[in-house]
Amino acid sequence: KTIEFTGALHATVVKQVRLKNPSVKTLVYSATLVGRDADDFSLPKGNTATIAPNRFLHPAEAVLLLISRSVGGIDGATLTFSLKSEVKHIEPADILKCKSPCYEL
């Protein structure tokens, strides 16, 4: 996949890449710019990207049990609650930016 940097002459163009991690473990990437014109690009936030696992992208379900313990001979009723979670909105945990000056003929 190619990320194109298009802009006015001498302008700095910034692009963002969103990475997703479908596994249950954190992923860590080291970013390296290589190639003939690699010096024309930069990674302003450093060269390490950490991508947290997507553990809660699916609805999660559980049951909460509250079981009474007798205090002074008084017992409370056992209570149960059904728990459900759903992700409604996702914000990136971090943004890795790459910028480069643009040159056009």
N, C-alpha and C. Protein backbone atom coordinates (compact mmCIF):
# COMPACT_ATOMS: atom_id res chain seq x y z
N LYS A 1 0.85 -1.18 0.00
CA LYS A 1 0.00 0.00 0.00
C LYS A 1 0.88 1.23 0.00
N THR A 2 0.52 2.23 -0.76
CA THR A 2 1.28 3.47 -0.87
C THR A 2 0.54 4.60 -0.16
N ILE A 3 1.28 5.33 0.66
CA ILE A 3 0.73 6.52 1.31
C ILE A 3 1.29 7.71 0.55
N GLU A 4 0.41 8.49 -0.07
CA GLU A 4 0.85 9.60 -0.90
C GLU A 4 0.87 10.90 -0.10
N PHE A 5 1.94 11.65 -0.26
CA PHE A 5 2.10 12.96 0.36
C PHE A 5 1.97 14.00 -0.75
N THR A 6 0.83 14.67 -0.81
CA THR A 6 0.56 15.65 -1.85
C THR A 6 0.28 16.99 -1.20
N GLY A 7 0.92 18.04 -1.66
CA GLY A 7 0.71 19.37 -1.09
C GLY A 7 1.42 20.43 -1.90
N ALA A 8 1.40 21.64 -1.37
CA ALA A 8 2.03 22.78 -2.04
C ALA A 8 3.55 22.70 -1.90
N LEU A 9 4.23 23.38 -2.79
CA LEU A 9 5.69 23.43 -2.76
C LEU A 9 6.16 23.99 -1.42
N HIS A 10 7.13 23.35 -0.81
CA HIS A 10 7.73 23.71 0.48
C HIS A 10 6.79 23.51 1.67
N ALA A 11 5.62 22.98 1.45
CA ALA A 11 4.69 22.72 2.56
C ALA A 11 5.08 21.41 3.24
N THR A 12 4.82 21.32 4.52
CA THR A 12 5.02 20.07 5.24
C THR A 12 3.69 19.33 5.26
N VAL A 13 3.71 18.11 4.81
CA VAL A 13 2.49 17.30 4.74
C VAL A 13 2.58 16.21 5.81
N VAL A 14 1.52 16.07 6.58
CA VAL A 14 1.49 15.08 7.66
C VAL A 14 0.43 14.04 7.35
N LYS A 15 0.77 12.78 7.52
CA LYS A 15 -0.17 11.67 7.32
C LYS A 15 -0.19 10.83 8.58
N GLN A 16 -1.32 10.17 8.81
CA GLN A 16 -1.47 9.27 9.94
C GLN A 16 -1.85 7.89 9.43
N VAL A 17 -1.36 6.87 10.11
CA VAL A 17 -1.69 5.48 9.79
C VAL A 17 -2.31 4.86 11.03
N ARG A 18 -3.49 4.30 10.89
CA ARG A 18 -4.15 3.64 12.02
C ARG A 18 -3.86 2.15 11.96
N LEU A 19 -3.30 1.63 13.03
CA LEU A 19 -2.99 0.21 13.13
C LEU A 19 -3.95 -0.44 14.10
N LYS A 20 -4.43 -1.61 13.77
CA LYS A 20 -5.32 -2.36 14.65
C LYS A 20 -4.66 -3.67 15.05
N ASN A 21 -4.95 -4.11 16.24
CA ASN A 21 -4.38 -5.34 16.77
C ASN A 21 -5.52 -6.30 17.11
N PRO A 22 -5.79 -7.29 16.26
CA PRO A 22 -6.89 -8.21 16.53
C PRO A 22 -6.55 -9.29 17.56
N SER A 23 -5.30 -9.37 18.00
CA SER A 23 -4.91 -10.42 18.94
C SER A 23 -5.25 -10.02 20.38
N VAL A 24 -4.95 -10.89 21.31
CA VAL A 24 -5.21 -10.62 22.73
C VAL A 24 -3.96 -10.14 23.45
N LYS A 25 -2.85 -9.98 22.72
CA LYS A 25 -1.60 -9.51 23.32
C LYS A 25 -1.16 -8.21 22.66
N THR A 26 -0.45 -7.39 23.42
CA THR A 26 0.06 -6.12 22.90
C THR A 26 1.13 -6.37 21.85
N LEU A 27 1.09 -5.58 20.78
CA LEU A 27 2.11 -5.64 19.74
C LEU A 27 2.97 -4.38 19.80
N VAL A 28 4.27 -4.53 19.57
CA VAL A 28 5.18 -3.40 19.53
C VAL A 28 5.93 -3.45 18.21
N TYR A 29 5.94 -2.32 17.49
CA TYR A 29 6.63 -2.21 16.22
C TYR A 29 7.74 -1.16 16.33
N SER A 30 8.85 -1.40 15.66
CA SER A 30 9.89 -0.41 15.49
C SER A 30 9.78 0.10 14.06
N ALA A 31 9.64 1.41 13.91
CA ALA A 31 9.50 2.02 12.58
C ALA A 31 10.87 2.47 12.09
N THR A 32 11.17 2.15 10.84
CA THR A 32 12.42 2.55 10.21
C THR A 32 12.11 3.07 8.82
N LEU A 33 12.65 4.21 8.49
CA LEU A 33 12.50 4.78 7.16
C LEU A 33 13.72 4.39 6.34
N VAL A 34 13.50 3.74 5.20
CA VAL A 34 14.61 3.31 4.35
C VAL A 34 14.33 3.76 2.91
N GLY A 35 15.35 3.82 2.11
CA GLY A 35 15.19 4.17 0.70
C GLY A 35 16.01 5.39 0.34
N ARG A 36 16.05 5.66 -0.95
CA ARG A 36 16.87 6.75 -1.48
C ARG A 36 16.57 8.09 -0.81
N ASP A 37 15.30 8.41 -0.57
CA ASP A 37 14.91 9.71 -0.02
C ASP A 37 14.40 9.61 1.42
N ALA A 38 14.84 8.60 2.14
CA ALA A 38 14.37 8.39 3.51
C ALA A 38 14.63 9.60 4.40
N ASP A 39 15.72 10.34 4.14
CA ASP A 39 16.04 11.51 4.96
C ASP A 39 15.03 12.64 4.80
N ASP A 40 14.22 12.59 3.75
CA ASP A 40 13.20 13.62 3.54
C ASP A 40 11.94 13.36 4.36
N PHE A 41 11.88 12.22 5.03
CA PHE A 41 10.73 11.87 5.87
C PHE A 41 11.18 11.82 7.32
N SER A 42 10.22 12.02 8.23
CA SER A 42 10.56 11.94 9.65
C SER A 42 9.40 11.34 10.43
N LEU A 43 9.72 10.83 11.61
CA LEU A 43 8.74 10.26 12.53
C LEU A 43 8.79 11.11 13.80
N PRO A 44 7.94 12.14 13.88
CA PRO A 44 8.03 13.10 14.99
C PRO A 44 7.82 12.50 16.38
N LYS A 45 7.10 11.39 16.48
CA LYS A 45 6.84 10.80 17.80
C LYS A 45 7.76 9.63 18.11
N GLY A 46 8.86 9.53 17.40
CA GLY A 46 9.80 8.44 17.67
C GLY A 46 9.56 7.26 16.77
N ASN A 47 10.35 6.22 16.97
CA ASN A 47 10.29 5.08 16.05
C ASN A 47 9.68 3.83 16.67
N THR A 48 8.94 3.97 17.76
CA THR A 48 8.28 2.81 18.37
C THR A 48 6.78 3.03 18.40
N ALA A 49 6.03 2.04 17.97
CA ALA A 49 4.56 2.09 18.03
C ALA A 49 4.08 0.88 18.82
N THR A 50 3.28 1.14 19.84
CA THR A 50 2.70 0.07 20.66
C THR A 50 1.21 0.02 20.37
N ILE A 51 0.72 -1.16 20.00
CA ILE A 51 -0.69 -1.32 19.67
C ILE A 51 -1.31 -2.26 20.68
N ALA A 52 -2.25 -1.72 21.45
CA ALA A 52 -2.92 -2.51 22.48
C ALA A 52 -3.85 -3.54 21.83
N PRO A 53 -4.11 -4.64 22.51
CA PRO A 53 -5.02 -5.65 21.96
C PRO A 53 -6.45 -5.15 21.93
N ASN A 54 -7.22 -5.67 20.99
CA ASN A 54 -8.65 -5.33 20.89
C ASN A 54 -9.47 -6.32 21.69
N ARG A 55 -9.35 -6.24 22.96
CA ARG A 55 -10.04 -7.22 23.82
C ARG A 55 -11.54 -6.98 23.91
N PHE A 56 -11.97 -5.74 23.80
CA PHE A 56 -13.37 -5.44 24.07
C PHE A 56 -14.11 -4.95 22.83
N LEU A 57 -13.67 -5.38 21.65
CA LEU A 57 -14.38 -4.97 20.45
C LEU A 57 -15.65 -5.78 20.24
N HIS A 58 -15.78 -6.86 20.94
CA HIS A 58 -17.01 -7.64 20.87
C HIS A 58 -17.74 -7.46 22.20
N PRO A 59 -19.06 -7.61 22.21
CA PRO A 59 -19.78 -7.49 23.48
C PRO A 59 -19.29 -8.54 24.47
N ALA A 60 -19.05 -8.12 25.70
CA ALA A 60 -18.62 -9.03 26.75
C ALA A 60 -19.80 -9.24 27.71
N GLU A 61 -19.90 -10.45 28.23
CA GLU A 61 -20.99 -10.77 29.15
C GLU A 61 -20.46 -11.51 30.35
N ALA A 62 -21.09 -11.27 31.50
CA ALA A 62 -20.74 -11.97 32.74
C ALA A 62 -21.94 -11.86 33.68
N VAL A 63 -21.86 -12.57 34.79
CA VAL A 63 -22.89 -12.50 35.83
C VAL A 63 -22.21 -12.12 37.13
N LEU A 64 -22.74 -11.11 37.81
CA LEU A 64 -22.25 -10.69 39.11
C LEU A 64 -23.13 -11.34 40.18
N LEU A 65 -22.49 -12.13 41.05
CA LEU A 65 -23.21 -12.77 42.16
C LEU A 65 -22.82 -12.08 43.45
N LEU A 66 -23.80 -11.63 44.20
CA LEU A 66 -23.58 -11.06 45.53
C LEU A 66 -24.23 -12.00 46.54
N ILE A 67 -23.38 -12.71 47.29
CA ILE A 67 -23.86 -13.71 48.24
C ILE A 67 -23.68 -13.16 49.65
N SER A 68 -24.75 -13.14 50.39
CA SER A 68 -24.76 -12.57 51.73
C SER A 68 -23.96 -13.42 52.72
N ARG A 69 -23.26 -12.72 53.62
CA ARG A 69 -22.62 -13.38 54.76
C ARG A 69 -23.36 -12.96 56.01
N SER A 70 -23.61 -13.90 56.86
CA SER A 70 -24.39 -13.63 58.07
C SER A 70 -23.60 -12.73 59.03
N VAL A 71 -24.24 -11.64 59.42
CA VAL A 71 -23.67 -10.72 60.41
C VAL A 71 -24.71 -10.54 61.51
N GLY A 72 -24.41 -11.02 62.69
CA GLY A 72 -25.36 -10.91 63.80
C GLY A 72 -26.63 -11.71 63.57
N GLY A 73 -26.53 -12.82 62.85
CA GLY A 73 -27.69 -13.68 62.62
C GLY A 73 -28.60 -13.20 61.51
N ILE A 74 -28.22 -12.14 60.79
CA ILE A 74 -29.07 -11.62 59.71
C ILE A 74 -28.41 -11.95 58.36
N ASP A 75 -29.20 -12.61 57.50
CA ASP A 75 -28.75 -12.93 56.16
C ASP A 75 -29.51 -12.09 55.15
N GLY A 76 -28.78 -11.58 54.17
CA GLY A 76 -29.43 -10.87 53.07
C GLY A 76 -29.69 -11.84 51.93
N ALA A 77 -30.55 -11.45 51.04
CA ALA A 77 -30.86 -12.28 49.89
C ALA A 77 -29.67 -12.28 48.93
N THR A 78 -29.45 -13.39 48.24
CA THR A 78 -28.43 -13.46 47.20
C THR A 78 -28.92 -12.64 46.01
N LEU A 79 -28.05 -11.79 45.48
CA LEU A 79 -28.41 -10.93 44.36
C LEU A 79 -27.60 -11.33 43.13
N THR A 80 -28.24 -11.30 41.97
CA THR A 80 -27.53 -11.58 40.72
C THR A 80 -27.80 -10.44 39.73
N PHE A 81 -26.77 -10.10 38.98
CA PHE A 81 -26.89 -9.07 37.96
C PHE A 81 -26.23 -9.58 36.69
N SER A 82 -26.91 -9.40 35.60
CA SER A 82 -26.32 -9.72 34.30
C SER A 82 -25.53 -8.50 33.84
N LEU A 83 -24.28 -8.73 33.42
CA LEU A 83 -23.42 -7.64 32.98
C LEU A 83 -23.15 -7.78 31.49
N LYS A 84 -23.29 -6.68 30.76
CA LYS A 84 -23.01 -6.68 29.33
C LYS A 84 -22.25 -5.39 28.99
N SER A 85 -21.25 -5.51 28.14
CA SER A 85 -20.52 -4.32 27.69
C SER A 85 -20.55 -4.27 26.17
N GLU A 86 -20.49 -3.06 25.66
CA GLU A 86 -20.45 -2.87 24.22
C GLU A 86 -19.65 -1.61 23.92
N VAL A 87 -18.73 -1.68 22.97
CA VAL A 87 -17.93 -0.53 22.59
C VAL A 87 -18.75 0.29 21.59
N LYS A 88 -18.98 1.55 21.92
CA LYS A 88 -19.76 2.43 21.05
C LYS A 88 -18.87 3.38 20.25
N HIS A 89 -17.66 3.64 20.77
CA HIS A 89 -16.77 4.58 20.10
C HIS A 89 -15.33 4.22 20.42
N ILE A 90 -14.45 4.31 19.44
CA ILE A 90 -13.04 3.97 19.64
C ILE A 90 -12.19 5.19 19.34
N GLU A 91 -11.36 5.57 20.28
CA GLU A 91 -10.38 6.64 20.10
C GLU A 91 -9.00 6.01 20.03
N PRO A 92 -8.15 6.46 19.14
CA PRO A 92 -6.80 5.90 19.09
C PRO A 92 -6.05 6.19 20.38
N ALA A 93 -5.28 5.21 20.86
CA ALA A 93 -4.49 5.39 22.07
C ALA A 93 -3.28 6.27 21.79
N ASP A 94 -2.78 6.22 20.56
CA ASP A 94 -1.63 7.02 20.20
C ASP A 94 -1.66 7.24 18.69
N ILE A 95 -1.02 8.29 18.25
CA ILE A 95 -0.96 8.60 16.82
C ILE A 95 0.51 8.68 16.43
N LEU A 96 0.87 7.96 15.41
CA LEU A 96 2.22 7.99 14.88
C LEU A 96 2.17 8.81 13.60
N LYS A 97 2.84 9.96 13.59
CA LYS A 97 2.80 10.86 12.44
C LYS A 97 4.08 10.75 11.63
N CYS A 98 3.94 10.89 10.34
CA CYS A 98 5.08 10.91 9.44
C CYS A 98 4.92 12.14 8.56
N LYS A 99 5.97 12.95 8.43
CA LYS A 99 5.83 14.16 7.62
C LYS A 99 7.02 14.30 6.69
N SER A 100 6.78 15.03 5.60
CA SER A 100 7.81 15.23 4.59
C SER A 100 7.56 16.52 3.85
N PRO A 101 8.62 17.24 3.46
CA PRO A 101 8.42 18.39 2.57
C PRO A 101 8.04 17.88 1.18
N CYS A 102 7.18 18.60 0.49
CA CYS A 102 6.74 18.18 -0.84
C CYS A 102 7.42 19.02 -1.91
N TYR A 103 7.75 18.37 -3.00
CA TYR A 103 8.36 19.04 -4.14
C TYR A 103 7.58 18.63 -5.38
N GLU A 104 7.18 19.61 -6.15
CA GLU A 104 6.47 19.35 -7.40
C GLU A 104 7.18 20.10 -8.51
N LEU A 105 7.17 19.50 -9.69
CA LEU A 105 7.76 20.18 -10.85
C LEU A 105 6.82 21.27 -11.33
